[in-house]
Amino acid sequence: YSLGTQIYCVPTVDARETWESSMRHIAFEGRCFVLSAC
């Protein structure tokens, strides 16, 4: 965030249902686009 990330890419293998909540939180917190590819 301090470096001004705008497109926050997330390569992952976490397929839990809770993952969506995490990605939405990070996007909201960092005011950035989160692109999560599992």
PDB file of all heavy atoms in Angstrom:
ATOM      1  N   TYR A   1       0.841  -1.209   0.000  1.00  0.00           N
ATOM      2  CA  TYR A   1       0.000   0.000   0.000  1.00  0.00           C
ATOM      3  C   TYR A   1       0.870   1.252   0.000  1.00  0.00           C
ATOM      4  O   TYR A   1       0.568   2.235  -0.677  1.00  0.00           O
ATOM      5  CB  TYR A   1      -0.905   0.040   1.237  1.00  0.00           C
ATOM      6  CG  TYR A   1      -1.878  -1.097   1.408  1.00  0.00           C
ATOM      7  CD1 TYR A   1      -2.411  -1.381   2.677  1.00  0.00           C
ATOM      8  CD2 TYR A   1      -2.290  -1.898   0.346  1.00  0.00           C
ATOM      9  CE1 TYR A   1      -3.313  -2.403   2.867  1.00  0.00           C
ATOM     10  CE2 TYR A   1      -3.189  -2.943   0.528  1.00  0.00           C
ATOM     11  CZ  TYR A   1      -3.698  -3.189   1.799  1.00  0.00           C
ATOM     12  OH  TYR A   1      -4.587  -4.212   1.999  1.00  0.00           O
ATOM     13  N   SER A   2       1.962   1.209   0.782  1.00  0.00           N
ATOM     14  CA  SER A   2       2.814   2.403   0.910  1.00  0.00           C
ATOM     15  C   SER A   2       3.507   2.744  -0.401  1.00  0.00           C
ATOM     16  O   SER A   2       3.895   3.898  -0.618  1.00  0.00           O
ATOM     17  CB  SER A   2       3.861   2.199   2.014  1.00  0.00           C
ATOM     18  OG  SER A   2       4.893   1.299   1.598  1.00  0.00           O
ATOM     19  N   LEU A   3       3.677   1.762  -1.272  1.00  0.00           N
ATOM     20  CA  LEU A   3       4.276   2.001  -2.583  1.00  0.00           C
ATOM     21  C   LEU A   3       3.233   2.321  -3.642  1.00  0.00           C
ATOM     22  O   LEU A   3       3.561   2.502  -4.819  1.00  0.00           O
ATOM     23  CB  LEU A   3       5.109   0.795  -3.015  1.00  0.00           C
ATOM     24  CG  LEU A   3       6.354   0.497  -2.172  1.00  0.00           C
ATOM     25  CD1 LEU A   3       7.124  -0.676  -2.766  1.00  0.00           C
ATOM     26  CD2 LEU A   3       7.261   1.718  -2.059  1.00  0.00           C
ATOM     27  N   GLY A   4       1.983   2.375  -3.224  1.00  0.00           N
ATOM     28  CA  GLY A   4       0.923   2.814  -4.130  1.00  0.00           C
ATOM     29  C   GLY A   4       0.389   1.750  -5.061  1.00  0.00           C
ATOM     30  O   GLY A   4      -0.093   2.073  -6.161  1.00  0.00           O
ATOM     31  N   THR A   5       0.445   0.459  -4.656  1.00  0.00           N
ATOM     32  CA  THR A   5      -0.092  -0.572  -5.534  1.00  0.00           C
ATOM     33  C   THR A   5      -1.535  -0.265  -5.906  1.00  0.00           C
ATOM     34  O   THR A   5      -2.349   0.158  -5.074  1.00  0.00           O
ATOM     35  CB  THR A   5       0.007  -1.969  -4.890  1.00  0.00           C
ATOM     36  OG1 THR A   5      -0.474  -2.939  -5.827  1.00  0.00           O
ATOM     37  CG2 THR A   5      -0.815  -2.063  -3.612  1.00  0.00           C
ATOM     38  N   GLN A   6      -1.843  -0.461  -7.175  1.00  0.00           N
ATOM     39  CA  GLN A   6      -3.193  -0.228  -7.683  1.00  0.00           C
ATOM     40  C   GLN A   6      -3.847  -1.525  -8.164  1.00  0.00           C
ATOM     41  O   GLN A   6      -5.053  -1.706  -8.014  1.00  0.00           O
ATOM     42  CB  GLN A   6      -3.147   0.773  -8.842  1.00  0.00           C
ATOM     43  CG  GLN A   6      -2.636   2.146  -8.438  1.00  0.00           C
ATOM     44  CD  GLN A   6      -2.353   3.003  -9.646  1.00  0.00           C
ATOM     45  OE1 GLN A   6      -1.638   2.602 -10.560  1.00  0.00           O
ATOM     46  NE2 GLN A   6      -2.919   4.208  -9.661  1.00  0.00           N
ATOM     47  N   ILE A   7      -3.019  -2.380  -8.754  1.00  0.00           N
ATOM     48  CA  ILE A   7      -3.510  -3.683  -9.229  1.00  0.00           C
ATOM     49  C   ILE A   7      -2.777  -4.742  -8.420  1.00  0.00           C
ATOM     50  O   ILE A   7      -1.616  -5.058  -8.664  1.00  0.00           O
ATOM     51  CB  ILE A   7      -3.280  -3.846 -10.737  1.00  0.00           C
ATOM     52  CG1 ILE A   7      -3.972  -2.701 -11.495  1.00  0.00           C
ATOM     53  CG2 ILE A   7      -3.808  -5.191 -11.218  1.00  0.00           C
ATOM     54  CD1 ILE A   7      -3.713  -2.706 -12.988  1.00  0.00           C
ATOM     55  N   TYR A   8      -3.466  -5.229  -7.422  1.00  0.00           N
ATOM     56  CA  TYR A   8      -2.904  -6.119  -6.400  1.00  0.00           C
ATOM     57  C   TYR A   8      -3.219  -7.555  -6.827  1.00  0.00           C
ATOM     58  O   TYR A   8      -4.342  -8.031  -6.683  1.00  0.00           O
ATOM     59  CB  TYR A   8      -3.558  -5.757  -5.069  1.00  0.00           C
ATOM     60  CG  TYR A   8      -3.104  -6.471  -3.819  1.00  0.00           C
ATOM     61  CD1 TYR A   8      -2.278  -5.827  -2.900  1.00  0.00           C
ATOM     62  CD2 TYR A   8      -3.552  -7.749  -3.513  1.00  0.00           C
ATOM     63  CE1 TYR A   8      -1.901  -6.445  -1.715  1.00  0.00           C
ATOM     64  CE2 TYR A   8      -3.178  -8.380  -2.343  1.00  0.00           C
ATOM     65  CZ  TYR A   8      -2.354  -7.731  -1.448  1.00  0.00           C
ATOM     66  OH  TYR A   8      -1.986  -8.356  -0.263  1.00  0.00           O
ATOM     67  N   CYS A   9      -2.211  -8.217  -7.410  1.00  0.00           N
ATOM     68  CA  CYS A   9      -2.416  -9.544  -7.991  1.00  0.00           C
ATOM     69  C   CYS A   9      -2.176 -10.629  -6.943  1.00  0.00           C
ATOM     70  O   CYS A   9      -1.234 -10.528  -6.145  1.00  0.00           O
ATOM     71  CB  CYS A   9      -1.479  -9.756  -9.171  1.00  0.00           C
ATOM     72  SG  CYS A   9      -1.681  -8.499 -10.470  1.00  0.00           S
ATOM     73  N   VAL A  10      -3.014 -11.660  -6.980  1.00  0.00           N
ATOM     74  CA  VAL A  10      -2.951 -12.709  -5.960  1.00  0.00           C
ATOM     75  C   VAL A  10      -2.955 -14.085  -6.615  1.00  0.00           C
ATOM     76  O   VAL A  10      -4.006 -14.711  -6.784  1.00  0.00           O
ATOM     77  CB  VAL A  10      -4.120 -12.595  -4.968  1.00  0.00           C
ATOM     78  CG1 VAL A  10      -3.990 -13.649  -3.875  1.00  0.00           C
ATOM     79  CG2 VAL A  10      -4.187 -11.204  -4.355  1.00  0.00           C
ATOM     80  N   PRO A  11      -1.790 -14.601  -6.993  1.00  0.00           N
ATOM     81  CA  PRO A  11      -1.727 -16.020  -7.379  1.00  0.00           C
ATOM     82  C   PRO A  11      -1.920 -16.875  -6.125  1.00  0.00           C
ATOM     83  O   PRO A  11      -1.256 -16.663  -5.110  1.00  0.00           O
ATOM     84  CB  PRO A  11      -0.310 -16.166  -7.944  1.00  0.00           C
ATOM     85  CG  PRO A  11       0.178 -14.759  -8.193  1.00  0.00           C
ATOM     86  CD  PRO A  11      -0.501 -13.926  -7.155  1.00  0.00           C
ATOM     87  N   THR A  12      -2.816 -17.866  -6.189  1.00  0.00           N
ATOM     88  CA  THR A  12      -3.138 -18.627  -4.978  1.00  0.00           C
ATOM     89  C   THR A  12      -3.572 -20.038  -5.315  1.00  0.00           C
ATOM     90  O   THR A  12      -3.841 -20.373  -6.485  1.00  0.00           O
ATOM     91  CB  THR A  12      -4.247 -17.906  -4.173  1.00  0.00           C
ATOM     92  OG1 THR A  12      -4.407 -18.543  -2.914  1.00  0.00           O
ATOM     93  CG2 THR A  12      -5.568 -17.927  -4.925  1.00  0.00           C
ATOM     94  N   VAL A  13      -3.632 -20.877  -4.269  1.00  0.00           N
ATOM     95  CA  VAL A  13      -4.295 -22.182  -4.363  1.00  0.00           C
ATOM     96  C   VAL A  13      -5.303 -22.340  -3.225  1.00  0.00           C
ATOM     97  O   VAL A  13      -5.805 -23.431  -2.991  1.00  0.00           O
ATOM     98  CB  VAL A  13      -3.290 -23.362  -4.354  1.00  0.00           C
ATOM     99  CG1 VAL A  13      -2.443 -23.381  -5.610  1.00  0.00           C
ATOM    100  CG2 VAL A  13      -2.425 -23.333  -3.094  1.00  0.00           C
ATOM    101  N   ASP A  14      -5.581 -21.246  -2.525  1.00  0.00           N
ATOM    102  CA  ASP A  14      -6.566 -21.312  -1.451  1.00  0.00           C
ATOM    103  C   ASP A  14      -7.959 -21.258  -2.066  1.00  0.00           C
ATOM    104  O   ASP A  14      -8.379 -20.228  -2.596  1.00  0.00           O
ATOM    105  CB  ASP A  14      -6.381 -20.155  -0.473  1.00  0.00           C
ATOM    106  CG  ASP A  14      -7.194 -20.345   0.804  1.00  0.00           C
ATOM    107  OD1 ASP A  14      -8.321 -20.875   0.708  1.00  0.00           O
ATOM    108  OD2 ASP A  14      -6.707 -19.983   1.887  1.00  0.00           O
ATOM    109  N   ALA A  15      -8.674 -22.376  -1.970  1.00  0.00           N
ATOM    110  CA  ALA A  15     -10.004 -22.495  -2.572  1.00  0.00           C
ATOM    111  C   ALA A  15     -11.112 -22.469  -1.523  1.00  0.00           C
ATOM    112  O   ALA A  15     -12.257 -22.811  -1.821  1.00  0.00           O
ATOM    113  CB  ALA A  15     -10.091 -23.788  -3.392  1.00  0.00           C
ATOM    114  N   ARG A  16     -10.770 -22.075  -0.290  1.00  0.00           N
ATOM    115  CA  ARG A  16     -11.788 -22.032   0.760  1.00  0.00           C
ATOM    116  C   ARG A  16     -12.807 -20.930   0.479  1.00  0.00           C
ATOM    117  O   ARG A  16     -12.481 -19.904  -0.129  1.00  0.00           O
ATOM    118  CB  ARG A  16     -11.131 -21.783   2.131  1.00  0.00           C
ATOM    119  CG  ARG A  16     -10.163 -22.864   2.564  1.00  0.00           C
ATOM    120  CD  ARG A  16      -9.380 -22.417   3.793  1.00  0.00           C
ATOM    121  NE  ARG A  16      -8.455 -23.431   4.264  1.00  0.00           N
ATOM    122  CZ  ARG A  16      -7.235 -23.604   3.803  1.00  0.00           C
ATOM    123  NH1 ARG A  16      -6.782 -22.819   2.833  1.00  0.00           N
ATOM    124  NH2 ARG A  16      -6.456 -24.546   4.288  1.00  0.00           N
ATOM    125  N   GLU A  17     -14.021 -21.121   0.983  1.00  0.00           N
ATOM    126  CA  GLU A  17     -15.054 -20.115   0.791  1.00  0.00           C
ATOM    127  C   GLU A  17     -14.684 -18.803   1.485  1.00  0.00           C
ATOM    128  O   GLU A  17     -15.130 -17.720   1.071  1.00  0.00           O
ATOM    129  CB  GLU A  17     -16.397 -20.635   1.298  1.00  0.00           C
ATOM    130  CG  GLU A  17     -16.970 -21.763   0.431  1.00  0.00           C
ATOM    131  CD  GLU A  17     -18.360 -22.176   0.864  1.00  0.00           C
ATOM    132  OE1 GLU A  17     -18.905 -21.537   1.788  1.00  0.00           O
ATOM    133  OE2 GLU A  17     -18.906 -23.132   0.281  1.00  0.00           O
ATOM    134  N   THR A  18     -13.885 -18.881   2.553  1.00  0.00           N
ATOM    135  CA  THR A  18     -13.486 -17.673   3.271  1.00  0.00           C
ATOM    136  C   THR A  18     -12.555 -16.781   2.456  1.00  0.00           C
ATOM    137  O   THR A  18     -12.373 -15.607   2.793  1.00  0.00           O
ATOM    138  CB  THR A  18     -12.773 -18.040   4.591  1.00  0.00           C
ATOM    139  OG1 THR A  18     -11.690 -18.944   4.306  1.00  0.00           O
ATOM    140  CG2 THR A  18     -13.735 -18.691   5.565  1.00  0.00           C
ATOM    141  N   TRP A  19     -11.969 -17.329   1.388  1.00  0.00           N
ATOM    142  CA  TRP A  19     -11.002 -16.568   0.595  1.00  0.00           C
ATOM    143  C   TRP A  19     -11.637 -15.325  -0.031  1.00  0.00           C
ATOM    144  O   TRP A  19     -11.013 -14.259  -0.081  1.00  0.00           O
ATOM    145  CB  TRP A  19     -10.389 -17.460  -0.484  1.00  0.00           C
ATOM    146  CG  TRP A  19      -9.209 -16.844  -1.155  1.00  0.00           C
ATOM    147  CD1 TRP A  19      -9.126 -16.391  -2.448  1.00  0.00           C
ATOM    148  CD2 TRP A  19      -7.916 -16.597  -0.577  1.00  0.00           C
ATOM    149  NE1 TRP A  19      -7.877 -15.882  -2.716  1.00  0.00           N
ATOM    150  CE2 TRP A  19      -7.110 -16.006  -1.577  1.00  0.00           C
ATOM    151  CE3 TRP A  19      -7.373 -16.822   0.684  1.00  0.00           C
ATOM    152  CZ2 TRP A  19      -5.791 -15.633  -1.342  1.00  0.00           C
ATOM    153  CZ3 TRP A  19      -6.050 -16.453   0.912  1.00  0.00           C
ATOM    154  CH2 TRP A  19      -5.279 -15.861  -0.099  1.00  0.00           C
ATOM    155  N   GLU A  20     -12.874 -15.467  -0.488  1.00  0.00           N
ATOM    156  CA  GLU A  20     -13.542 -14.308  -1.072  1.00  0.00           C
ATOM    157  C   GLU A  20     -13.609 -13.155  -0.082  1.00  0.00           C
ATOM    158  O   GLU A  20     -13.357 -11.994  -0.436  1.00  0.00           O
ATOM    159  CB  GLU A  20     -14.959 -14.669  -1.533  1.00  0.00           C
ATOM    160  CG  GLU A  20     -15.706 -13.478  -2.107  1.00  0.00           C
ATOM    161  CD  GLU A  20     -17.159 -13.786  -2.455  1.00  0.00           C
ATOM    162  OE1 GLU A  20     -17.535 -14.977  -2.502  1.00  0.00           O
ATOM    163  OE2 GLU A  20     -17.918 -12.818  -2.682  1.00  0.00           O
ATOM    164  N   SER A  21     -13.934 -13.461   1.176  1.00  0.00           N
ATOM    165  CA  SER A  21     -14.003 -12.414   2.198  1.00  0.00           C
ATOM    166  C   SER A  21     -12.656 -11.731   2.372  1.00  0.00           C
ATOM    167  O   SER A  21     -12.578 -10.497   2.533  1.00  0.00           O
ATOM    168  CB  SER A  21     -14.472 -13.006   3.532  1.00  0.00           C
ATOM    169  OG  SER A  21     -15.762 -13.565   3.417  1.00  0.00           O
ATOM    170  N   SER A  22     -11.577 -12.525   2.351  1.00  0.00           N
ATOM    171  CA  SER A  22     -10.235 -11.954   2.497  1.00  0.00           C
ATOM    172  C   SER A  22      -9.910 -11.013   1.347  1.00  0.00           C
ATOM    173  O   SER A  22      -9.363  -9.917   1.550  1.00  0.00           O
ATOM    174  CB  SER A  22      -9.193 -13.072   2.567  1.00  0.00           C
ATOM    175  OG  SER A  22      -9.382 -13.875   3.709  1.00  0.00           O
ATOM    176  N   MET A  23     -10.228 -11.433   0.126  1.00  0.00           N
ATOM    177  CA  MET A  23      -9.913 -10.607  -1.037  1.00  0.00           C
ATOM    178  C   MET A  23     -10.739  -9.320  -1.037  1.00  0.00           C
ATOM    179  O   MET A  23     -10.235  -8.242  -1.389  1.00  0.00           O
ATOM    180  CB  MET A  23     -10.160 -11.398  -2.327  1.00  0.00           C
ATOM    181  CG  MET A  23      -9.260 -12.626  -2.496  1.00  0.00           C
ATOM    182  SD  MET A  23      -7.487 -12.229  -2.527  1.00  0.00           S
ATOM    183  CE  MET A  23      -7.015 -12.531  -0.806  1.00  0.00           C
ATOM    184  N   ARG A  24     -11.984  -9.395  -0.615  1.00  0.00           N
ATOM    185  CA  ARG A  24     -12.813  -8.190  -0.554  1.00  0.00           C
ATOM    186  C   ARG A  24     -12.302  -7.235   0.528  1.00  0.00           C
ATOM    187  O   ARG A  24     -12.286  -6.016   0.342  1.00  0.00           O
ATOM    188  CB  ARG A  24     -14.273  -8.573  -0.312  1.00  0.00           C
ATOM    189  CG  ARG A  24     -14.873  -9.377  -1.454  1.00  0.00           C
ATOM    190  CD  ARG A  24     -16.346  -9.682  -1.242  1.00  0.00           C
ATOM    191  NE  ARG A  24     -17.157  -8.464  -1.373  1.00  0.00           N
ATOM    192  CZ  ARG A  24     -18.488  -8.465  -1.309  1.00  0.00           C
ATOM    193  NH1 ARG A  24     -19.144  -9.600  -1.111  1.00  0.00           N
ATOM    194  NH2 ARG A  24     -19.152  -7.328  -1.439  1.00  0.00           N
ATOM    195  N   HIS A  25     -11.861  -7.804   1.642  1.00  0.00           N
ATOM    196  CA  HIS A  25     -11.311  -6.968   2.709  1.00  0.00           C
ATOM    197  C   HIS A  25     -10.062  -6.234   2.235  1.00  0.00           C
ATOM    198  O   HIS A  25      -9.913  -5.016   2.474  1.00  0.00           O
ATOM    199  CB  HIS A  25     -10.970  -7.820   3.933  1.00  0.00           C
ATOM    200  CG  HIS A  25     -10.154  -7.101   4.964  1.00  0.00           C
ATOM    201  ND1 HIS A  25     -10.720  -6.309   5.929  1.00  0.00           N
ATOM    202  CD2 HIS A  25      -8.808  -7.002   5.137  1.00  0.00           C
ATOM    203  CE1 HIS A  25      -9.765  -5.770   6.665  1.00  0.00           C
ATOM    204  NE2 HIS A  25      -8.590  -6.178   6.207  1.00  0.00           N
ATOM    205  N   ILE A  26      -9.155  -6.952   1.565  1.00  0.00           N
ATOM    206  CA  ILE A  26      -7.904  -6.336   1.126  1.00  0.00           C
ATOM    207  C   ILE A  26      -8.173  -5.244   0.100  1.00  0.00           C
ATOM    208  O   ILE A  26      -7.568  -4.160   0.148  1.00  0.00           O
ATOM    209  CB  ILE A  26      -6.941  -7.410   0.576  1.00  0.00           C
ATOM    210  CG1 ILE A  26      -6.454  -8.295   1.724  1.00  0.00           C
ATOM    211  CG2 ILE A  26      -5.766  -6.773  -0.154  1.00  0.00           C
ATOM    212  CD1 ILE A  26      -5.718  -9.545   1.267  1.00  0.00           C
ATOM    213  N   ALA A  27      -9.075  -5.500  -0.842  1.00  0.00           N
ATOM    214  CA  ALA A  27      -9.412  -4.488  -1.842  1.00  0.00           C
ATOM    215  C   ALA A  27      -9.956  -3.228  -1.166  1.00  0.00           C
ATOM    216  O   ALA A  27      -9.574  -2.104  -1.509  1.00  0.00           O
ATOM    217  CB  ALA A  27     -10.429  -5.053  -2.826  1.00  0.00           C
ATOM    218  N   PHE A  28     -10.835  -3.430  -0.190  1.00  0.00           N
ATOM    219  CA  PHE A  28     -11.443  -2.308   0.524  1.00  0.00           C
ATOM    220  C   PHE A  28     -10.416  -1.574   1.375  1.00  0.00           C
ATOM    221  O   PHE A  28     -10.351  -0.343   1.379  1.00  0.00           O
ATOM    222  CB  PHE A  28     -12.587  -2.838   1.398  1.00  0.00           C
ATOM    223  CG  PHE A  28     -13.455  -1.764   1.989  1.00  0.00           C
ATOM    224  CD1 PHE A  28     -14.589  -1.318   1.322  1.00  0.00           C
ATOM    225  CD2 PHE A  28     -13.141  -1.190   3.213  1.00  0.00           C
ATOM    226  CE1 PHE A  28     -15.394  -0.330   1.865  1.00  0.00           C
ATOM    227  CE2 PHE A  28     -13.937  -0.193   3.759  1.00  0.00           C
ATOM    228  CZ  PHE A  28     -15.072   0.240   3.081  1.00  0.00           C
ATOM    229  N   GLU A  29      -9.585  -2.347   2.069  1.00  0.00           N
ATOM    230  CA  GLU A  29      -8.570  -1.763   2.949  1.00  0.00           C
ATOM    231  C   GLU A  29      -7.522  -0.988   2.165  1.00  0.00           C
ATOM    232  O   GLU A  29      -7.143   0.127   2.531  1.00  0.00           O
ATOM    233  CB  GLU A  29      -7.894  -2.880   3.743  1.00  0.00           C
ATOM    234  CG  GLU A  29      -6.708  -2.465   4.587  1.00  0.00           C
ATOM    235  CD  GLU A  29      -6.021  -3.665   5.214  1.00  0.00           C
ATOM    236  OE1 GLU A  29      -5.359  -4.433   4.470  1.00  0.00           O
ATOM    237  OE2 GLU A  29      -6.152  -3.829   6.438  1.00  0.00           O
ATOM    238  N   GLY A  30      -7.032  -1.592   1.081  1.00  0.00           N
ATOM    239  CA  GLY A  30      -5.954  -0.986   0.308  1.00  0.00           C
ATOM    240  C   GLY A  30      -6.418  -0.042  -0.768  1.00  0.00           C
ATOM    241  O   GLY A  30      -5.607   0.606  -1.422  1.00  0.00           O
ATOM    242  N   ARG A  31      -7.744   0.029  -0.974  1.00  0.00           N
ATOM    243  CA  ARG A  31      -8.301   0.835  -2.058  1.00  0.00           C
ATOM    244  C   ARG A  31      -7.565   0.517  -3.366  1.00  0.00           C
ATOM    245  O   ARG A  31      -7.026   1.388  -4.055  1.00  0.00           O
ATOM    246  CB  ARG A  31      -8.211   2.328  -1.724  1.00  0.00           C
ATOM    247  CG  ARG A  31      -9.107   2.787  -0.571  1.00  0.00           C
ATOM    248  CD  ARG A  31     -10.528   2.316  -0.712  1.00  0.00           C
ATOM    249  NE  ARG A  31     -11.483   3.175   0.004  1.00  0.00           N
ATOM    250  CZ  ARG A  31     -12.502   2.716   0.714  1.00  0.00           C
ATOM    251  NH1 ARG A  31     -12.682   1.404   0.830  1.00  0.00           N
ATOM    252  NH2 ARG A  31     -13.349   3.533   1.287  1.00  0.00           N
ATOM    253  N   CYS A  32      -7.568  -0.762  -3.697  1.00  0.00           N
ATOM    254  CA  CYS A  32      -6.903  -1.245  -4.896  1.00  0.00           C
ATOM    255  C   CYS A  32      -7.766  -2.320  -5.540  1.00  0.00           C
ATOM    256  O   CYS A  32      -8.650  -2.899  -4.901  1.00  0.00           O
ATOM    257  CB  CYS A  32      -5.512  -1.796  -4.566  1.00  0.00           C
ATOM    258  SG  CYS A  32      -5.489  -3.034  -3.241  1.00  0.00           S
ATOM    259  N   PHE A  33      -7.507  -2.601  -6.800  1.00  0.00           N
ATOM    260  CA  PHE A  33      -8.148  -3.736  -7.454  1.00  0.00           C
ATOM    261  C   PHE A  33      -7.410  -5.010  -7.044  1.00  0.00           C
ATOM    262  O   PHE A  33      -6.171  -5.061  -7.073  1.00  0.00           O
ATOM    263  CB  PHE A  33      -8.108  -3.584  -8.975  1.00  0.00           C
ATOM    264  CG  PHE A  33      -9.006  -2.517  -9.501  1.00  0.00           C
ATOM    265  CD1 PHE A  33      -8.515  -1.235  -9.747  1.00  0.00           C
ATOM    266  CD2 PHE A  33     -10.345  -2.772  -9.732  1.00  0.00           C
ATOM    267  CE1 PHE A  33      -9.354  -0.235 -10.218  1.00  0.00           C
ATOM    268  CE2 PHE A  33     -11.200  -1.775 -10.213  1.00  0.00           C
ATOM    269  CZ  PHE A  33     -10.694  -0.509 -10.447  1.00  0.00           C
ATOM    270  N   VAL A  34      -8.152  -6.030  -6.655  1.00  0.00           N
ATOM    271  CA  VAL A  34      -7.565  -7.316  -6.294  1.00  0.00           C
ATOM    272  C   VAL A  34      -7.943  -8.333  -7.358  1.00  0.00           C
ATOM    273  O   VAL A  34      -9.130  -8.548  -7.636  1.00  0.00           O
ATOM    274  CB  VAL A  34      -8.038  -7.770  -4.906  1.00  0.00           C
ATOM    275  CG1 VAL A  34      -7.608  -9.207  -4.643  1.00  0.00           C
ATOM    276  CG2 VAL A  34      -7.470  -6.855  -3.827  1.00  0.00           C
ATOM    277  N   LEU A  35      -6.922  -8.951  -7.942  1.00  0.00           N
ATOM    278  CA  LEU A  35      -7.113  -9.966  -8.976  1.00  0.00           C
ATOM    279  C   LEU A  35      -6.582 -11.293  -8.440  1.00  0.00           C
ATOM    280  O   LEU A  35      -5.371 -11.515  -8.390  1.00  0.00           O
ATOM    281  CB  LEU A  35      -6.368  -9.581 -10.261  1.00  0.00           C
ATOM    282  CG  LEU A  35      -7.031  -8.551 -11.184  1.00  0.00           C
ATOM    283  CD1 LEU A  35      -7.237  -7.213 -10.503  1.00  0.00           C
ATOM    284  CD2 LEU A  35      -6.201  -8.366 -12.451  1.00  0.00           C
ATOM    285  N   SER A  36      -7.487 -12.146  -7.987  1.00  0.00           N
ATOM    286  CA  SER A  36      -7.107 -13.410  -7.356  1.00  0.00           C
ATOM    287  C   SER A  36      -7.318 -14.563  -8.328  1.00  0.00           C
ATOM    288  O   SER A  36      -8.452 -14.846  -8.741  1.00  0.00           O
ATOM    289  CB  SER A  36      -7.940 -13.629  -6.088  1.00  0.00           C
ATOM    290  OG  SER A  36      -7.622 -14.865  -5.491  1.00  0.00           O
ATOM    291  N   ALA A  37      -6.228 -15.243  -8.688  1.00  0.00           N
ATOM    292  CA  ALA A  37      -6.267 -16.370  -9.623  1.00  0.00           C
ATOM    293  C   ALA A  37      -5.909 -17.649  -8.884  1.00  0.00           C
ATOM    294  O   ALA A  37      -4.808 -17.779  -8.358  1.00  0.00           O
ATOM    295  CB  ALA A  37      -5.296 -16.140 -10.781  1.00  0.00           C
ATOM    296  N   CYS A  38      -6.853 -18.582  -8.834  1.00  0.00           N
ATOM    297  CA  CYS A  38      -6.652 -19.841  -8.113  1.00  0.00           C
ATOM    298  C   CYS A  38      -6.645 -21.016  -9.086  1.00  0.00           C
ATOM    299  O   CYS A  38      -7.343 -21.000 -10.106  1.00  0.00           O
ATOM    300  CB  CYS A  38      -7.760 -20.032  -7.077  1.00  0.00           C
ATOM    301  SG  CYS A  38      -7.509 -21.455  -5.973  1.00  0.00           S
TER     302      CYS A  38
END
